[in-house]
Amino acid sequence: MVILRSSIFRVRIGKDDVDVGLATVVHQLFAAIEREIDRIEGRHRLDAVDAFAGLKFDEVVTIAPQLCAGALQSLTAEQLERLKTSIGTIRGGLGTEEHKLQLLVLELMNAVGPEIVDSVANLLKRKQTGSTQERF
């Protein structure tokens, strides 16, 4: 613990001297690693949006979130409420139906992960569920 709190060198930022220690270096290294992981995951997530290709936003906006939420037992009421709010924003947005579908898929991935979303897309494609389901 003492090593992490020790100062390795001092940097002048503006008029202030700031001590830089191992903890600062480790923190910056972890932050850089997290950013790179996020970039890689972002590319994978955008590729996964293609799982919903061929489906229509109006036909899946109700049932897809219900299936995703139902597939997991660990979603909290707060997470479900955030998802509902996000879906409402997407529904009311000005984008094309294709863009709305892509945004819906990304929001679902945030809530349940890409594997569940991919499984739901495959299920919807097999069943071609109608839009008569109760609104989410």
N, C-alpha and C. Protein backbone atom coordinates (compact mmCIF):
# COMPACT_ATOMS: atom_id res chain seq x y z
N MET A 1 0.82 -1.19 0.00
CA MET A 1 0.00 0.00 0.00
C MET A 1 0.87 1.25 0.00
N VAL A 2 1.95 1.21 0.74
CA VAL A 2 2.85 2.36 0.81
C VAL A 2 3.47 2.63 -0.56
N ILE A 3 3.80 1.56 -1.28
CA ILE A 3 4.41 1.72 -2.60
C ILE A 3 3.44 2.42 -3.55
N LEU A 4 2.17 2.04 -3.52
CA LEU A 4 1.18 2.66 -4.40
C LEU A 4 0.97 4.13 -4.06
N ARG A 5 1.15 4.50 -2.83
CA ARG A 5 0.91 5.89 -2.42
C ARG A 5 2.16 6.76 -2.53
N SER A 6 3.30 6.15 -2.79
CA SER A 6 4.55 6.90 -2.88
C SER A 6 4.63 7.67 -4.19
N SER A 7 5.32 8.78 -4.14
CA SER A 7 5.50 9.61 -5.32
C SER A 7 6.77 9.18 -6.05
N ILE A 8 6.64 9.00 -7.38
CA ILE A 8 7.80 8.65 -8.19
C ILE A 8 8.46 9.92 -8.69
N PHE A 9 7.64 10.87 -9.12
CA PHE A 9 8.15 12.15 -9.58
C PHE A 9 7.06 13.20 -9.43
N ARG A 10 7.44 14.44 -9.68
CA ARG A 10 6.53 15.57 -9.52
C ARG A 10 6.40 16.28 -10.86
N VAL A 11 5.18 16.66 -11.21
CA VAL A 11 4.90 17.34 -12.47
C VAL A 11 4.27 18.68 -12.16
N ARG A 12 4.69 19.71 -12.89
CA ARG A 12 4.09 21.02 -12.71
C ARG A 12 2.96 21.16 -13.73
N ILE A 13 1.74 21.38 -13.23
CA ILE A 13 0.58 21.61 -14.07
C ILE A 13 0.07 23.00 -13.74
N GLY A 14 0.27 23.91 -14.68
CA GLY A 14 -0.08 25.30 -14.40
C GLY A 14 0.85 25.83 -13.32
N LYS A 15 0.25 26.28 -12.21
CA LYS A 15 1.04 26.79 -11.09
C LYS A 15 1.19 25.76 -9.98
N ASP A 16 0.59 24.58 -10.19
CA ASP A 16 0.59 23.57 -9.13
C ASP A 16 1.59 22.46 -9.43
N ASP A 17 2.21 21.95 -8.37
CA ASP A 17 3.05 20.76 -8.46
C ASP A 17 2.19 19.57 -8.08
N VAL A 18 2.20 18.55 -8.94
CA VAL A 18 1.40 17.36 -8.70
C VAL A 18 2.33 16.17 -8.57
N ASP A 19 2.20 15.44 -7.45
CA ASP A 19 3.00 14.24 -7.25
C ASP A 19 2.41 13.11 -8.08
N VAL A 20 3.28 12.40 -8.79
CA VAL A 20 2.86 11.26 -9.60
C VAL A 20 3.49 10.02 -8.99
N GLY A 21 2.62 9.11 -8.59
CA GLY A 21 3.08 7.88 -7.99
C GLY A 21 2.65 6.67 -8.79
N LEU A 22 2.99 5.53 -8.27
CA LEU A 22 2.66 4.28 -8.93
C LEU A 22 1.14 4.12 -9.09
N ALA A 23 0.38 4.58 -8.11
CA ALA A 23 -1.08 4.47 -8.20
C ALA A 23 -1.61 5.26 -9.39
N THR A 24 -1.05 6.43 -9.64
CA THR A 24 -1.46 7.25 -10.78
C THR A 24 -1.13 6.55 -12.08
N VAL A 25 0.06 6.00 -12.17
CA VAL A 25 0.49 5.29 -13.37
C VAL A 25 -0.41 4.08 -13.61
N VAL A 26 -0.66 3.30 -12.58
CA VAL A 26 -1.52 2.12 -12.69
C VAL A 26 -2.93 2.53 -13.09
N HIS A 27 -3.45 3.58 -12.49
CA HIS A 27 -4.79 4.06 -12.82
C HIS A 27 -4.87 4.46 -14.30
N GLN A 28 -3.88 5.19 -14.78
CA GLN A 28 -3.88 5.61 -16.19
C GLN A 28 -3.75 4.42 -17.12
N LEU A 29 -2.96 3.43 -16.73
CA LEU A 29 -2.81 2.22 -17.54
C LEU A 29 -4.14 1.48 -17.62
N PHE A 30 -4.80 1.31 -16.49
CA PHE A 30 -6.12 0.65 -16.49
C PHE A 30 -7.13 1.43 -17.32
N ALA A 31 -7.12 2.74 -17.23
CA ALA A 31 -8.06 3.55 -18.01
C ALA A 31 -7.81 3.37 -19.50
N ALA A 32 -6.56 3.32 -19.92
CA ALA A 32 -6.23 3.11 -21.33
C ALA A 32 -6.67 1.73 -21.79
N ILE A 33 -6.47 0.73 -20.96
CA ILE A 33 -6.89 -0.63 -21.29
C ILE A 33 -8.41 -0.70 -21.41
N GLU A 34 -9.13 -0.08 -20.48
CA GLU A 34 -10.59 -0.07 -20.54
C GLU A 34 -11.10 0.61 -21.80
N ARG A 35 -10.47 1.71 -22.20
CA ARG A 35 -10.88 2.40 -23.43
C ARG A 35 -10.69 1.52 -24.65
N GLU A 36 -9.57 0.80 -24.70
CA GLU A 36 -9.30 -0.08 -25.85
C GLU A 36 -10.29 -1.25 -25.87
N ILE A 37 -10.58 -1.82 -24.71
CA ILE A 37 -11.56 -2.90 -24.63
C ILE A 37 -12.92 -2.39 -25.09
N ASP A 38 -13.28 -1.18 -24.68
CA ASP A 38 -14.56 -0.60 -25.08
C ASP A 38 -14.62 -0.42 -26.59
N ARG A 39 -13.52 0.00 -27.21
CA ARG A 39 -13.49 0.15 -28.67
C ARG A 39 -13.68 -1.19 -29.37
N ILE A 40 -13.00 -2.21 -28.88
CA ILE A 40 -13.12 -3.55 -29.47
C ILE A 40 -14.54 -4.07 -29.30
N GLU A 41 -15.07 -3.94 -28.09
CA GLU A 41 -16.44 -4.38 -27.83
C GLU A 41 -17.44 -3.60 -28.68
N GLY A 42 -17.18 -2.32 -28.87
CA GLY A 42 -18.07 -1.50 -29.69
C GLY A 42 -18.15 -2.01 -31.11
N ARG A 43 -17.01 -2.40 -31.65
CA ARG A 43 -17.01 -2.97 -33.01
C ARG A 43 -17.81 -4.26 -33.04
N HIS A 44 -17.63 -5.12 -32.05
CA HIS A 44 -18.39 -6.37 -31.99
C HIS A 44 -19.88 -6.12 -31.83
N ARG A 45 -20.22 -5.12 -31.02
CA ARG A 45 -21.63 -4.80 -30.80
C ARG A 45 -22.27 -4.30 -32.10
N LEU A 46 -21.55 -3.45 -32.83
CA LEU A 46 -22.10 -2.96 -34.10
C LEU A 46 -22.25 -4.08 -35.11
N ASP A 47 -21.31 -5.03 -35.10
CA ASP A 47 -21.45 -6.19 -35.98
C ASP A 47 -22.67 -7.02 -35.59
N ALA A 48 -22.93 -7.11 -34.28
CA ALA A 48 -24.04 -7.92 -33.79
C ALA A 48 -25.40 -7.31 -34.13
N VAL A 49 -25.44 -6.02 -34.44
CA VAL A 49 -26.70 -5.38 -34.83
C VAL A 49 -27.27 -6.06 -36.06
N ASP A 50 -26.40 -6.63 -36.88
CA ASP A 50 -26.84 -7.32 -38.09
C ASP A 50 -27.73 -8.52 -37.80
N ALA A 51 -27.73 -9.02 -36.57
CA ALA A 51 -28.58 -10.16 -36.23
C ALA A 51 -30.05 -9.84 -36.48
N PHE A 52 -30.43 -8.57 -36.40
CA PHE A 52 -31.82 -8.17 -36.59
C PHE A 52 -32.12 -7.78 -38.04
N ALA A 53 -31.14 -7.95 -38.93
CA ALA A 53 -31.37 -7.63 -40.34
C ALA A 53 -32.55 -8.45 -40.86
N GLY A 54 -33.43 -7.79 -41.59
CA GLY A 54 -34.61 -8.46 -42.13
C GLY A 54 -35.84 -8.34 -41.25
N LEU A 55 -35.65 -7.90 -40.01
CA LEU A 55 -36.79 -7.68 -39.11
C LEU A 55 -37.16 -6.20 -39.16
N LYS A 56 -38.40 -5.90 -38.86
CA LYS A 56 -38.88 -4.52 -38.91
C LYS A 56 -39.06 -3.98 -37.49
N PHE A 57 -38.64 -2.73 -37.32
CA PHE A 57 -38.70 -2.08 -36.01
C PHE A 57 -40.09 -2.17 -35.40
N ASP A 58 -41.11 -1.79 -36.16
CA ASP A 58 -42.48 -1.78 -35.64
C ASP A 58 -42.95 -3.16 -35.20
N GLU A 59 -42.39 -4.20 -35.80
CA GLU A 59 -42.81 -5.56 -35.47
C GLU A 59 -42.07 -6.13 -34.26
N VAL A 60 -40.88 -5.60 -33.94
CA VAL A 60 -40.09 -6.18 -32.86
C VAL A 60 -39.93 -5.28 -31.65
N VAL A 61 -40.30 -4.01 -31.76
CA VAL A 61 -40.06 -3.06 -30.67
C VAL A 61 -40.79 -3.45 -29.38
N THR A 62 -41.87 -4.19 -29.51
CA THR A 62 -42.62 -4.61 -28.32
C THR A 62 -42.14 -5.96 -27.81
N ILE A 63 -42.06 -6.93 -28.69
CA ILE A 63 -41.78 -8.30 -28.25
C ILE A 63 -40.30 -8.54 -27.93
N ALA A 64 -39.39 -7.93 -28.67
CA ALA A 64 -37.95 -8.17 -28.44
C ALA A 64 -37.53 -7.79 -27.02
N PRO A 65 -37.90 -6.60 -26.52
CA PRO A 65 -37.54 -6.28 -25.13
C PRO A 65 -38.17 -7.24 -24.11
N GLN A 66 -39.40 -7.65 -24.39
CA GLN A 66 -40.06 -8.59 -23.47
C GLN A 66 -39.32 -9.92 -23.44
N LEU A 67 -38.93 -10.41 -24.59
CA LEU A 67 -38.19 -11.67 -24.64
C LEU A 67 -36.82 -11.54 -23.98
N CYS A 68 -36.14 -10.44 -24.25
CA CYS A 68 -34.82 -10.22 -23.63
C CYS A 68 -34.93 -10.14 -22.11
N ALA A 69 -35.89 -9.37 -21.63
CA ALA A 69 -36.06 -9.23 -20.18
C ALA A 69 -36.50 -10.55 -19.56
N GLY A 70 -37.35 -11.28 -20.26
CA GLY A 70 -37.82 -12.56 -19.74
C GLY A 70 -36.73 -13.63 -19.71
N ALA A 71 -35.75 -13.50 -20.59
CA ALA A 71 -34.68 -14.49 -20.65
C ALA A 71 -33.75 -14.41 -19.44
N LEU A 72 -33.67 -13.23 -18.83
CA LEU A 72 -32.81 -13.05 -17.66
C LEU A 72 -33.64 -12.94 -16.40
N GLN A 73 -33.12 -13.49 -15.34
CA GLN A 73 -33.81 -13.39 -14.05
C GLN A 73 -33.23 -12.28 -13.19
N SER A 74 -32.13 -11.71 -13.62
CA SER A 74 -31.41 -10.78 -12.75
C SER A 74 -31.64 -9.30 -13.06
N LEU A 75 -32.49 -8.97 -14.02
CA LEU A 75 -32.73 -7.55 -14.31
C LEU A 75 -33.52 -6.93 -13.16
N THR A 76 -33.04 -5.79 -12.71
CA THR A 76 -33.71 -5.10 -11.62
C THR A 76 -34.84 -4.22 -12.18
N ALA A 77 -35.70 -3.77 -11.32
CA ALA A 77 -36.78 -2.87 -11.73
C ALA A 77 -36.19 -1.58 -12.31
N GLU A 78 -35.09 -1.12 -11.74
CA GLU A 78 -34.44 0.10 -12.24
C GLU A 78 -33.90 -0.11 -13.65
N GLN A 79 -33.28 -1.26 -13.90
CA GLN A 79 -32.77 -1.55 -15.23
C GLN A 79 -33.91 -1.65 -16.25
N LEU A 80 -35.00 -2.28 -15.85
CA LEU A 80 -36.16 -2.38 -16.75
C LEU A 80 -36.74 -1.01 -17.05
N GLU A 81 -36.79 -0.16 -16.05
CA GLU A 81 -37.32 1.19 -16.25
C GLU A 81 -36.43 2.00 -17.19
N ARG A 82 -35.12 1.88 -17.02
CA ARG A 82 -34.19 2.56 -17.93
C ARG A 82 -34.36 2.06 -19.36
N LEU A 83 -34.55 0.76 -19.51
CA LEU A 83 -34.76 0.19 -20.83
C LEU A 83 -36.05 0.71 -21.45
N LYS A 84 -37.11 0.75 -20.67
CA LYS A 84 -38.39 1.30 -21.16
C LYS A 84 -38.24 2.75 -21.60
N THR A 85 -37.54 3.53 -20.80
CA THR A 85 -37.32 4.94 -21.14
C THR A 85 -36.54 5.07 -22.43
N SER A 86 -35.49 4.29 -22.56
CA SER A 86 -34.67 4.33 -23.78
C SER A 86 -35.49 3.93 -25.01
N ILE A 87 -36.30 2.90 -24.86
CA ILE A 87 -37.13 2.45 -25.98
C ILE A 87 -38.15 3.51 -26.35
N GLY A 88 -38.71 4.17 -25.37
CA GLY A 88 -39.65 5.26 -25.64
C GLY A 88 -38.98 6.39 -26.40
N THR A 89 -37.74 6.69 -26.04
CA THR A 89 -36.99 7.74 -26.74
C THR A 89 -36.72 7.32 -28.19
N ILE A 90 -36.35 6.09 -28.38
CA ILE A 90 -36.09 5.58 -29.74
C ILE A 90 -37.37 5.62 -30.57
N ARG A 91 -38.47 5.16 -29.97
CA ARG A 91 -39.76 5.17 -30.68
C ARG A 91 -40.14 6.57 -31.15
N GLY A 92 -39.94 7.55 -30.30
CA GLY A 92 -40.33 8.92 -30.62
C GLY A 92 -39.30 9.68 -31.42
N GLY A 93 -38.18 9.06 -31.70
CA GLY A 93 -37.09 9.73 -32.40
C GLY A 93 -37.39 9.96 -33.88
N LEU A 94 -36.52 10.70 -34.51
CA LEU A 94 -36.72 11.10 -35.89
C LEU A 94 -36.00 10.21 -36.89
N GLY A 95 -35.27 9.21 -36.46
CA GLY A 95 -34.51 8.38 -37.38
C GLY A 95 -35.39 7.50 -38.24
N THR A 96 -34.76 6.87 -39.22
CA THR A 96 -35.47 5.92 -40.07
C THR A 96 -35.79 4.68 -39.26
N GLU A 97 -36.65 3.84 -39.80
CA GLU A 97 -37.00 2.60 -39.11
C GLU A 97 -35.76 1.71 -38.94
N GLU A 98 -34.88 1.72 -39.92
CA GLU A 98 -33.65 0.93 -39.82
C GLU A 98 -32.76 1.44 -38.69
N HIS A 99 -32.62 2.77 -38.59
CA HIS A 99 -31.80 3.34 -37.51
C HIS A 99 -32.43 3.08 -36.15
N LYS A 100 -33.73 3.18 -36.07
CA LYS A 100 -34.41 2.89 -34.81
C LYS A 100 -34.19 1.43 -34.40
N LEU A 101 -34.24 0.54 -35.38
CA LEU A 101 -33.99 -0.88 -35.08
C LEU A 101 -32.57 -1.08 -34.56
N GLN A 102 -31.61 -0.43 -35.19
CA GLN A 102 -30.23 -0.54 -34.73
C GLN A 102 -30.05 0.00 -33.32
N LEU A 103 -30.68 1.13 -33.04
CA LEU A 103 -30.60 1.70 -31.69
C LEU A 103 -31.28 0.80 -30.66
N LEU A 104 -32.40 0.21 -31.05
CA LEU A 104 -33.10 -0.73 -30.16
C LEU A 104 -32.19 -1.90 -29.82
N VAL A 105 -31.55 -2.46 -30.83
CA VAL A 105 -30.66 -3.60 -30.61
C VAL A 105 -29.51 -3.22 -29.68
N LEU A 106 -28.92 -2.05 -29.88
CA LEU A 106 -27.83 -1.61 -29.01
C LEU A 106 -28.30 -1.43 -27.56
N GLU A 107 -29.49 -0.88 -27.39
CA GLU A 107 -30.03 -0.71 -26.03
C GLU A 107 -30.30 -2.07 -25.38
N LEU A 108 -30.81 -3.01 -26.16
CA LEU A 108 -31.05 -4.35 -25.61
C LEU A 108 -29.74 -5.01 -25.22
N MET A 109 -28.70 -4.79 -26.02
CA MET A 109 -27.39 -5.34 -25.67
C MET A 109 -26.87 -4.74 -24.37
N ASN A 110 -27.11 -3.46 -24.16
CA ASN A 110 -26.70 -2.83 -22.90
C ASN A 110 -27.37 -3.51 -21.72
N ALA A 111 -28.62 -3.90 -21.90
CA ALA A 111 -29.38 -4.46 -20.79
C ALA A 111 -29.09 -5.95 -20.56
N VAL A 112 -29.00 -6.73 -21.65
CA VAL A 112 -28.94 -8.18 -21.47
C VAL A 112 -27.73 -8.85 -22.11
N GLY A 113 -26.97 -8.11 -22.89
CA GLY A 113 -25.79 -8.69 -23.53
C GLY A 113 -26.07 -9.18 -24.94
N PRO A 114 -25.02 -9.26 -25.75
CA PRO A 114 -25.20 -9.61 -27.15
C PRO A 114 -25.67 -11.03 -27.40
N GLU A 115 -25.32 -11.97 -26.54
CA GLU A 115 -25.73 -13.36 -26.76
C GLU A 115 -27.23 -13.52 -26.67
N ILE A 116 -27.84 -12.90 -25.65
CA ILE A 116 -29.30 -12.97 -25.50
C ILE A 116 -29.98 -12.28 -26.67
N VAL A 117 -29.48 -11.11 -27.06
CA VAL A 117 -30.07 -10.37 -28.17
C VAL A 117 -29.99 -11.19 -29.45
N ASP A 118 -28.88 -11.84 -29.68
CA ASP A 118 -28.72 -12.68 -30.87
C ASP A 118 -29.72 -13.84 -30.84
N SER A 119 -29.88 -14.45 -29.68
CA SER A 119 -30.85 -15.55 -29.55
C SER A 119 -32.27 -15.07 -29.81
N VAL A 120 -32.60 -13.89 -29.29
CA VAL A 120 -33.94 -13.33 -29.51
C VAL A 120 -34.15 -13.03 -30.99
N ALA A 121 -33.13 -12.49 -31.65
CA ALA A 121 -33.25 -12.20 -33.09
C ALA A 121 -33.50 -13.49 -33.86
N ASN A 122 -32.76 -14.54 -33.52
CA ASN A 122 -32.96 -15.82 -34.20
C ASN A 122 -34.36 -16.37 -33.96
N LEU A 123 -34.84 -16.26 -32.72
CA LEU A 123 -36.19 -16.71 -32.40
C LEU A 123 -37.23 -15.93 -33.18
N LEU A 124 -37.09 -14.62 -33.22
CA LEU A 124 -38.04 -13.78 -33.95
C LEU A 124 -38.02 -14.07 -35.44
N LYS A 125 -36.87 -14.33 -35.96
CA LYS A 125 -36.79 -14.66 -37.39
C LYS A 125 -37.46 -16.00 -37.67
N ARG A 126 -37.30 -16.95 -36.76
CA ARG A 126 -37.95 -18.26 -36.96
C ARG A 126 -39.46 -18.15 -36.83
N LYS A 127 -39.91 -17.40 -35.89
CA LYS A 127 -41.35 -17.31 -35.60
C LYS A 127 -42.05 -16.20 -36.36
N GLN A 128 -41.29 -15.18 -36.79
CA GLN A 128 -41.87 -14.00 -37.44
C GLN A 128 -43.10 -13.53 -36.66
N THR A 129 -42.87 -13.23 -35.35
CA THR A 129 -43.91 -12.81 -34.43
C THR A 129 -44.61 -11.55 -34.93
N GLY A 130 -45.95 -11.53 -34.83
CA GLY A 130 -46.73 -10.36 -35.23
C GLY A 130 -46.66 -9.26 -34.18
N SER A 131 -47.25 -8.12 -34.48
CA SER A 131 -47.20 -6.97 -33.58
C SER A 131 -48.45 -6.86 -32.72
N THR A 132 -49.12 -7.98 -32.47
CA THR A 132 -50.34 -7.93 -31.66
C THR A 132 -50.04 -8.09 -30.17
N GLN A 133 -48.78 -8.21 -29.81
CA GLN A 133 -48.41 -8.36 -28.41
C GLN A 133 -48.66 -7.07 -27.63
N GLU A 134 -48.85 -7.22 -26.32
CA GLU A 134 -49.04 -6.06 -25.44
C GLU A 134 -47.80 -5.18 -25.51
N ARG A 135 -48.00 -3.87 -25.44
CA ARG A 135 -46.89 -2.91 -25.51
C ARG A 135 -45.98 -3.06 -24.31
N PHE A 136 -44.66 -2.94 -24.54
CA PHE A 136 -43.65 -3.02 -23.47
C PHE A 136 -43.65 -1.74 -22.70
